[in-house]
Protein backbone atom coordinates (compact mmCIF):
# COMPACT_ATOMS: atom_id res chain seq x y z
CA UNK A 1 112.29 2.10 154.37
CA UNK A 2 114.41 0.89 156.77
CA UNK A 3 117.09 3.35 157.41
CA UNK A 4 120.00 1.18 158.78
CA UNK A 5 119.53 -1.01 155.31
CA UNK A 6 119.76 2.28 152.87
CA UNK A 7 122.96 3.34 154.87
CA UNK A 8 124.72 -0.12 154.53
CA UNK A 9 123.69 -0.04 150.58
CA UNK A 10 124.98 3.47 150.02
CA UNK A 11 127.99 2.58 151.32
CA UNK A 12 128.41 -0.29 149.76
CA UNK A 13 127.56 1.37 146.19
CA UNK A 14 129.98 3.97 147.00
CA UNK A 15 132.70 1.64 148.05
CA UNK A 16 132.01 -0.55 144.72
CA UNK A 17 132.09 2.63 142.36
CA UNK A 18 135.57 3.75 144.15
CA UNK A 19 137.12 0.62 143.92
CA UNK A 20 136.29 0.22 140.27
CA UNK A 21 137.17 3.85 139.62
CA UNK A 22 140.56 3.99 141.40
CA UNK A 23 138.92 6.77 143.63
CA UNK A 24 138.41 8.88 140.53
CA UNK A 25 135.03 10.76 140.95
CA UNK A 26 134.48 11.14 137.47
CA UNK A 27 134.98 7.20 136.84
CA UNK A 28 132.91 6.33 139.79
CA UNK A 29 129.85 8.24 138.30
CA UNK A 30 130.26 6.47 134.85
CA UNK A 31 130.39 3.39 136.80
CA UNK A 32 127.01 4.21 138.73
CA UNK A 33 125.43 5.50 135.53
CA UNK A 34 126.09 1.85 134.15
CA UNK A 35 124.81 -0.10 137.23
CA UNK A 36 121.16 -1.65 136.26
CA UNK A 37 118.46 -0.58 139.12
CA UNK A 38 117.78 -3.37 141.39
CA UNK A 39 114.97 -5.58 140.32
CA UNK A 40 111.52 -5.28 142.34
CA UNK A 41 111.40 -8.55 143.89
CA UNK A 42 115.01 -8.47 145.09
CA UNK A 43 115.49 -8.81 148.81
CA UNK A 44 115.36 -5.04 150.10
CA UNK A 45 114.73 -3.58 146.90
CA UNK A 46 113.49 -0.44 147.93
CA UNK A 47 116.11 0.47 149.66
CA UNK A 48 118.97 -0.75 147.17
CA UNK A 49 116.87 1.39 144.70
CA UNK A 50 116.94 4.57 147.11
CA UNK A 51 120.44 4.19 147.87
CA UNK A 52 121.86 3.84 144.33
CA UNK A 53 119.84 6.51 143.22
CA UNK A 54 121.49 9.02 145.91
CA UNK A 55 124.84 7.75 144.89
CA UNK A 56 124.58 8.45 141.27
CA UNK A 57 123.11 11.89 142.12
CA UNK A 58 125.61 12.62 144.57
CA UNK A 59 128.52 11.40 142.00
CA UNK A 60 127.24 12.77 139.01
CA UNK A 61 126.47 16.04 140.13
CA UNK A 62 129.69 16.51 141.81
CA UNK A 63 132.07 15.13 138.79
CA UNK A 64 134.59 18.39 139.41
CA UNK A 65 134.78 18.18 143.14
CA UNK A 66 137.37 16.11 145.09
CA UNK A 67 137.01 12.72 146.77
CA UNK A 68 136.92 14.07 150.11
CA UNK A 69 133.69 16.69 149.60
CA UNK A 70 131.98 13.81 147.68
CA UNK A 71 132.44 11.68 150.64
CA UNK A 72 131.46 14.26 153.45
CA UNK A 73 128.10 15.33 151.03
CA UNK A 74 127.11 11.11 151.43
CA UNK A 75 127.56 11.72 155.03
CA UNK A 76 130.47 9.21 155.37
CA UNK A 77 133.00 11.70 157.08
CA UNK A 78 135.07 8.81 158.67
CA UNK A 79 135.68 7.47 154.86
CA UNK A 80 136.82 10.93 153.94
CA UNK A 81 139.15 11.20 156.70
CA UNK A 82 140.86 7.70 155.57
CA UNK A 83 141.14 8.86 151.82
CA UNK A 84 142.51 12.26 152.74
């Protein structure tokens, strides 16, 4: 698996979910839960699937936590500072 692509897709899924949920962690978790898994024959499907799975796991398990903590858990320290 290409780690660079994985991180790229993780950030894309995270930003998309936060945009749709207006920076609400619980609504972002709901959005990600409804997002379908990438198809097997899609380009970079392994990286996309792993990134979506990680984003779902972190957002779902952190519904009651602040956005700052969730973003730091995903490794997006700079993004967490921006959202403060």
